[in-house]
Amino acid sequence: MNAADSASRYPFGRPSRGYLVYDATGHVFLAAVRGLTAAPEARGRWMNTDSATLHMLLSGAASYFGTYRVDNSSQTVIHMIEGEIPPNLGATEIATPFHVVSDTLQLGRDSSAHWRFIRLR
């Protein structure tokens, strides 16, 4: 895998860290970051860091919240985004194919970039 393929397949690098939470009331929350080694000098002091470091920190993170619904007939989960960082310029609904095996949820198709989440108990 070349560097461009790796960057598109792993947009937050390897390893990345994140949480995806679905609750019983129909709400969803996602927070994902590039591995914690990125810019340790800015951790906790991001408001006073230079613009290049701030750009690097923000480009290695994503967060959103909203509601969701599952469409079993098309095997998709639809996230209706109410707020996100960084802003996605108006995209407020995302329909994503999903696949569940045991405690693993995969969002996206095998042939494209996808996210894999392991249930924590």
N, C-alpha and C. Protein backbone atom coordinates (compact mmCIF):
# COMPACT_ATOMS: atom_id res chain seq x y z
N MET A 1 0.85 -1.17 0.00
CA MET A 1 0.00 0.00 0.00
C MET A 1 0.90 1.24 0.00
N ASN A 2 0.68 2.16 -0.97
CA ASN A 2 1.49 3.37 -1.00
C ASN A 2 0.95 4.40 0.00
N ALA A 3 1.68 5.50 0.16
CA ALA A 3 1.33 6.50 1.18
C ALA A 3 -0.03 7.13 0.91
N ALA A 4 -0.37 7.40 -0.36
CA ALA A 4 -1.66 7.99 -0.69
C ALA A 4 -2.79 7.04 -0.35
N ASP A 5 -2.62 5.75 -0.67
CA ASP A 5 -3.65 4.76 -0.33
C ASP A 5 -3.81 4.65 1.18
N SER A 6 -2.70 4.65 1.89
CA SER A 6 -2.74 4.55 3.34
C SER A 6 -3.45 5.76 3.95
N ALA A 7 -3.18 6.97 3.42
CA ALA A 7 -3.80 8.18 3.94
C ALA A 7 -5.30 8.18 3.70
N SER A 8 -5.75 7.66 2.55
CA SER A 8 -7.19 7.64 2.30
C SER A 8 -7.87 6.52 3.09
N ARG A 9 -7.18 5.41 3.29
CA ARG A 9 -7.77 4.29 4.03
C ARG A 9 -7.73 4.52 5.54
N TYR A 10 -6.70 5.23 6.01
CA TYR A 10 -6.55 5.53 7.44
C TYR A 10 -6.39 7.05 7.61
N PRO A 11 -7.48 7.82 7.48
CA PRO A 11 -7.37 9.28 7.51
C PRO A 11 -6.84 9.84 8.83
N PHE A 12 -6.93 9.06 9.89
CA PHE A 12 -6.41 9.50 11.19
C PHE A 12 -5.17 8.73 11.57
N GLY A 13 -4.52 8.10 10.59
CA GLY A 13 -3.29 7.37 10.85
C GLY A 13 -3.54 6.04 11.54
N ARG A 14 -2.44 5.39 11.84
CA ARG A 14 -2.50 4.11 12.56
C ARG A 14 -1.53 4.18 13.72
N PRO A 15 -1.90 4.00 14.91
CA PRO A 15 -3.28 3.72 15.31
C PRO A 15 -4.06 5.01 15.48
N SER A 16 -5.34 4.95 15.26
CA SER A 16 -6.21 6.08 15.58
C SER A 16 -7.05 5.68 16.79
N ARG A 17 -7.71 6.67 17.36
CA ARG A 17 -8.53 6.38 18.52
C ARG A 17 -9.86 7.09 18.35
N GLY A 18 -10.92 6.46 18.80
CA GLY A 18 -12.21 7.11 18.68
C GLY A 18 -13.30 6.37 19.42
N TYR A 19 -14.39 7.06 19.57
CA TYR A 19 -15.59 6.49 20.17
C TYR A 19 -16.77 6.82 19.27
N LEU A 20 -17.61 5.84 19.06
CA LEU A 20 -18.87 6.01 18.37
C LEU A 20 -19.93 5.48 19.33
N VAL A 21 -20.88 6.34 19.67
CA VAL A 21 -21.89 5.97 20.66
C VAL A 21 -23.27 6.13 20.04
N TYR A 22 -24.05 5.05 20.08
CA TYR A 22 -25.47 5.08 19.73
C TYR A 22 -26.23 4.85 21.02
N ASP A 23 -27.24 5.68 21.30
CA ASP A 23 -28.02 5.41 22.50
C ASP A 23 -29.44 5.01 22.14
N ALA A 24 -30.17 4.53 23.12
CA ALA A 24 -31.51 4.00 22.91
C ALA A 24 -32.52 5.08 22.54
N THR A 25 -32.18 6.36 22.76
CA THR A 25 -33.10 7.44 22.42
C THR A 25 -32.93 7.90 20.97
N GLY A 26 -32.01 7.27 20.22
CA GLY A 26 -31.82 7.62 18.82
C GLY A 26 -30.75 8.67 18.58
N HIS A 27 -29.86 8.88 19.54
CA HIS A 27 -28.78 9.86 19.39
C HIS A 27 -27.46 9.15 19.08
N VAL A 28 -26.60 9.85 18.34
CA VAL A 28 -25.29 9.33 17.97
C VAL A 28 -24.24 10.40 18.28
N PHE A 29 -23.05 9.93 18.66
CA PHE A 29 -21.92 10.82 18.93
C PHE A 29 -20.66 10.13 18.42
N LEU A 30 -19.84 10.87 17.71
CA LEU A 30 -18.55 10.36 17.23
C LEU A 30 -17.46 11.34 17.63
N ALA A 31 -16.36 10.81 18.13
CA ALA A 31 -15.15 11.59 18.36
C ALA A 31 -13.99 10.70 17.95
N ALA A 32 -13.15 11.19 17.04
CA ALA A 32 -12.01 10.41 16.57
C ALA A 32 -10.81 11.33 16.42
N VAL A 33 -9.62 10.80 16.75
CA VAL A 33 -8.39 11.58 16.66
C VAL A 33 -7.27 10.71 16.12
N ARG A 34 -6.32 11.39 15.52
CA ARG A 34 -5.08 10.73 15.13
C ARG A 34 -4.42 10.25 16.41
N GLY A 35 -3.57 9.26 16.34
CA GLY A 35 -2.87 8.76 17.52
C GLY A 35 -2.38 9.89 18.40
N LEU A 36 -2.34 9.68 19.69
CA LEU A 36 -2.04 10.74 20.65
C LEU A 36 -0.62 11.29 20.56
N THR A 37 0.20 10.78 19.67
CA THR A 37 1.56 11.29 19.56
C THR A 37 1.63 12.61 18.80
N ALA A 38 0.54 13.00 18.12
CA ALA A 38 0.56 14.23 17.32
C ALA A 38 0.58 15.46 18.23
N ALA A 39 1.58 16.31 18.06
CA ALA A 39 1.72 17.60 18.75
C ALA A 39 1.49 17.53 20.26
N PRO A 40 2.26 16.70 20.96
CA PRO A 40 2.06 16.63 22.41
C PRO A 40 2.32 17.96 23.10
N GLU A 41 3.14 18.82 22.49
CA GLU A 41 3.44 20.12 23.10
C GLU A 41 2.22 21.04 23.12
N ALA A 42 1.22 20.78 22.26
CA ALA A 42 0.03 21.63 22.21
C ALA A 42 -1.11 21.10 23.06
N ARG A 43 -0.97 19.89 23.57
CA ARG A 43 -2.04 19.29 24.35
C ARG A 43 -2.33 20.13 25.60
N GLY A 44 -3.57 20.54 25.72
CA GLY A 44 -3.99 21.36 26.85
C GLY A 44 -3.67 22.83 26.67
N ARG A 45 -2.94 23.19 25.62
CA ARG A 45 -2.58 24.59 25.38
C ARG A 45 -2.91 25.00 23.95
N TRP A 46 -3.89 24.36 23.33
CA TRP A 46 -4.17 24.58 21.92
C TRP A 46 -4.59 26.00 21.60
N MET A 47 -5.19 26.72 22.56
CA MET A 47 -5.63 28.09 22.26
C MET A 47 -4.45 29.04 22.08
N ASN A 48 -3.29 28.68 22.61
CA ASN A 48 -2.12 29.55 22.53
C ASN A 48 -1.06 29.03 21.56
N THR A 49 -1.39 28.03 20.77
CA THR A 49 -0.40 27.45 19.87
C THR A 49 -0.38 28.20 18.54
N ASP A 50 0.64 27.97 17.75
CA ASP A 50 0.74 28.63 16.45
C ASP A 50 -0.25 28.02 15.46
N SER A 51 -0.53 28.73 14.37
CA SER A 51 -1.57 28.29 13.43
C SER A 51 -1.22 26.98 12.73
N ALA A 52 0.05 26.71 12.46
CA ALA A 52 0.42 25.45 11.81
C ALA A 52 0.13 24.25 12.71
N THR A 53 0.45 24.38 13.99
CA THR A 53 0.17 23.29 14.94
C THR A 53 -1.33 23.13 15.13
N LEU A 54 -2.06 24.24 15.21
CA LEU A 54 -3.51 24.17 15.35
C LEU A 54 -4.13 23.49 14.14
N HIS A 55 -3.67 23.83 12.95
CA HIS A 55 -4.17 23.18 11.73
C HIS A 55 -3.91 21.68 11.77
N MET A 56 -2.71 21.29 12.19
CA MET A 56 -2.38 19.87 12.27
C MET A 56 -3.30 19.16 13.27
N LEU A 57 -3.55 19.78 14.41
CA LEU A 57 -4.42 19.17 15.42
C LEU A 57 -5.84 18.99 14.89
N LEU A 58 -6.37 20.03 14.25
CA LEU A 58 -7.75 19.96 13.75
C LEU A 58 -7.89 19.03 12.56
N SER A 59 -6.86 18.93 11.72
CA SER A 59 -6.96 18.05 10.56
C SER A 59 -6.85 16.59 10.97
N GLY A 60 -6.43 16.33 12.19
CA GLY A 60 -6.32 14.97 12.68
C GLY A 60 -7.43 14.60 13.65
N ALA A 61 -8.57 15.29 13.55
CA ALA A 61 -9.66 15.02 14.47
C ALA A 61 -11.00 15.24 13.78
N ALA A 62 -11.99 14.56 14.25
CA ALA A 62 -13.37 14.75 13.78
C ALA A 62 -14.31 14.45 14.94
N SER A 63 -15.37 15.21 14.99
CA SER A 63 -16.36 15.00 16.03
C SER A 63 -17.71 15.45 15.51
N TYR A 64 -18.75 14.69 15.79
CA TYR A 64 -20.09 15.14 15.49
C TYR A 64 -21.10 14.50 16.42
N PHE A 65 -22.30 15.10 16.42
CA PHE A 65 -23.40 14.56 17.20
C PHE A 65 -24.68 14.80 16.43
N GLY A 66 -25.69 14.02 16.75
CA GLY A 66 -26.99 14.16 16.11
C GLY A 66 -27.87 12.98 16.44
N THR A 67 -28.75 12.64 15.50
CA THR A 67 -29.64 11.51 15.68
C THR A 67 -29.35 10.49 14.59
N TYR A 68 -29.90 9.29 14.74
CA TYR A 68 -29.67 8.25 13.75
C TYR A 68 -30.91 7.40 13.60
N ARG A 69 -30.96 6.71 12.45
CA ARG A 69 -31.96 5.67 12.24
C ARG A 69 -31.33 4.59 11.40
N VAL A 70 -31.81 3.38 11.57
CA VAL A 70 -31.27 2.23 10.84
C VAL A 70 -32.29 1.82 9.78
N ASP A 71 -31.81 1.63 8.54
CA ASP A 71 -32.64 1.12 7.45
C ASP A 71 -32.16 -0.29 7.15
N ASN A 72 -32.82 -1.27 7.75
CA ASN A 72 -32.40 -2.66 7.58
C ASN A 72 -32.56 -3.16 6.15
N SER A 73 -33.53 -2.62 5.41
CA SER A 73 -33.73 -3.09 4.03
C SER A 73 -32.55 -2.75 3.14
N SER A 74 -31.89 -1.61 3.38
CA SER A 74 -30.71 -1.24 2.58
C SER A 74 -29.40 -1.45 3.33
N GLN A 75 -29.51 -2.01 4.58
CA GLN A 75 -28.31 -2.23 5.41
C GLN A 75 -27.50 -0.95 5.59
N THR A 76 -28.20 0.17 5.87
CA THR A 76 -27.51 1.43 6.11
C THR A 76 -27.96 2.01 7.45
N VAL A 77 -27.06 2.79 8.02
CA VAL A 77 -27.40 3.60 9.19
C VAL A 77 -27.30 5.05 8.71
N ILE A 78 -28.30 5.85 9.05
CA ILE A 78 -28.36 7.23 8.60
C ILE A 78 -28.13 8.12 9.81
N HIS A 79 -27.09 8.93 9.73
CA HIS A 79 -26.78 9.90 10.79
C HIS A 79 -27.28 11.27 10.34
N MET A 80 -28.14 11.89 11.12
CA MET A 80 -28.58 13.26 10.87
C MET A 80 -27.75 14.16 11.78
N ILE A 81 -26.79 14.82 11.20
CA ILE A 81 -25.80 15.58 11.98
C ILE A 81 -26.36 16.94 12.37
N GLU A 82 -26.25 17.23 13.67
CA GLU A 82 -26.72 18.51 14.20
C GLU A 82 -25.57 19.47 14.45
N GLY A 83 -24.38 18.94 14.71
CA GLY A 83 -23.20 19.77 14.93
C GLY A 83 -21.95 18.95 14.71
N GLU A 84 -20.90 19.59 14.17
CA GLU A 84 -19.67 18.85 13.89
C GLU A 84 -18.46 19.76 13.84
N ILE A 85 -17.31 19.15 14.10
CA ILE A 85 -16.02 19.81 13.99
C ILE A 85 -15.09 18.84 13.28
N PRO A 86 -14.44 19.22 12.21
CA PRO A 86 -14.60 20.49 11.50
C PRO A 86 -15.91 20.51 10.72
N PRO A 87 -16.46 21.71 10.45
CA PRO A 87 -17.72 21.81 9.72
C PRO A 87 -17.59 21.17 8.34
N ASN A 88 -18.67 20.53 7.88
CA ASN A 88 -18.66 19.83 6.61
C ASN A 88 -19.43 20.59 5.54
N LEU A 89 -19.50 21.88 5.67
CA LEU A 89 -20.09 22.76 4.66
C LEU A 89 -21.50 22.34 4.26
N GLY A 90 -22.33 22.08 5.23
CA GLY A 90 -23.74 21.87 4.97
C GLY A 90 -24.22 20.45 4.86
N ALA A 91 -23.34 19.46 4.74
CA ALA A 91 -23.80 18.07 4.69
C ALA A 91 -24.35 17.70 6.06
N THR A 92 -25.64 17.40 6.13
CA THR A 92 -26.25 17.15 7.43
C THR A 92 -26.79 15.74 7.57
N GLU A 93 -26.73 14.94 6.51
CA GLU A 93 -27.23 13.57 6.60
C GLU A 93 -26.27 12.64 5.87
N ILE A 94 -25.89 11.57 6.54
CA ILE A 94 -24.95 10.61 5.96
C ILE A 94 -25.57 9.22 6.06
N ALA A 95 -25.74 8.55 4.92
CA ALA A 95 -26.22 7.17 4.90
C ALA A 95 -25.01 6.29 4.66
N THR A 96 -24.75 5.38 5.57
CA THR A 96 -23.55 4.57 5.53
C THR A 96 -23.90 3.09 5.60
N PRO A 97 -23.36 2.27 4.68
CA PRO A 97 -23.54 0.83 4.81
C PRO A 97 -22.91 0.34 6.11
N PHE A 98 -23.51 -0.67 6.73
CA PHE A 98 -22.93 -1.21 7.94
C PHE A 98 -22.97 -2.73 7.91
N HIS A 99 -22.11 -3.29 8.74
CA HIS A 99 -22.03 -4.74 8.87
C HIS A 99 -21.61 -5.04 10.30
N VAL A 100 -22.34 -5.93 10.97
CA VAL A 100 -22.04 -6.28 12.36
C VAL A 100 -21.67 -7.75 12.44
N VAL A 101 -20.53 -8.04 13.07
CA VAL A 101 -20.12 -9.41 13.35
C VAL A 101 -19.66 -9.44 14.80
N SER A 102 -20.38 -10.19 15.62
CA SER A 102 -20.06 -10.30 17.03
C SER A 102 -20.03 -8.91 17.66
N ASP A 103 -18.90 -8.49 18.21
CA ASP A 103 -18.79 -7.18 18.85
C ASP A 103 -18.14 -6.13 17.95
N THR A 104 -18.09 -6.38 16.64
CA THR A 104 -17.45 -5.45 15.73
C THR A 104 -18.48 -4.84 14.78
N LEU A 105 -18.50 -3.51 14.71
CA LEU A 105 -19.34 -2.77 13.78
C LEU A 105 -18.43 -2.18 12.73
N GLN A 106 -18.71 -2.45 11.46
CA GLN A 106 -17.95 -1.83 10.38
C GLN A 106 -18.88 -0.91 9.63
N LEU A 107 -18.47 0.35 9.49
CA LEU A 107 -19.21 1.33 8.70
C LEU A 107 -18.46 1.55 7.40
N GLY A 108 -19.15 1.52 6.28
CA GLY A 108 -18.53 1.64 4.97
C GLY A 108 -18.41 0.28 4.33
N ARG A 109 -18.02 0.26 3.08
CA ARG A 109 -17.88 -0.99 2.34
C ARG A 109 -16.44 -1.49 2.40
N ASP A 110 -16.26 -2.80 2.22
CA ASP A 110 -14.91 -3.37 2.24
C ASP A 110 -14.00 -2.75 1.20
N SER A 111 -14.57 -2.35 0.04
CA SER A 111 -13.74 -1.86 -1.06
C SER A 111 -13.42 -0.37 -0.95
N SER A 112 -13.96 0.32 0.05
CA SER A 112 -13.68 1.75 0.21
C SER A 112 -13.21 2.00 1.63
N ALA A 113 -12.90 3.24 1.90
CA ALA A 113 -12.50 3.59 3.27
C ALA A 113 -13.64 3.23 4.20
N HIS A 114 -13.32 2.67 5.33
CA HIS A 114 -14.36 2.31 6.28
C HIS A 114 -13.83 2.45 7.70
N TRP A 115 -14.75 2.46 8.62
CA TRP A 115 -14.42 2.56 10.03
C TRP A 115 -14.78 1.25 10.68
N ARG A 116 -13.98 0.81 11.60
CA ARG A 116 -14.27 -0.41 12.34
C ARG A 116 -14.25 -0.07 13.83
N PHE A 117 -15.33 -0.42 14.52
CA PHE A 117 -15.48 -0.14 15.94
C PHE A 117 -15.69 -1.46 16.69
N ILE A 118 -15.02 -1.61 17.82
CA ILE A 118 -15.16 -2.77 18.67
C ILE A 118 -15.95 -2.35 19.91
N ARG A 119 -16.99 -3.11 20.25
CA ARG A 119 -17.80 -2.77 21.41
C ARG A 119 -16.99 -2.93 22.70
N LEU A 120 -17.05 -1.93 23.54
CA LEU A 120 -16.42 -2.00 24.86
C LEU A 120 -17.52 -2.20 25.88
N ARG A 121 -17.25 -3.07 26.83
CA ARG A 121 -18.25 -3.33 27.88
C ARG A 121 -17.69 -2.96 29.22
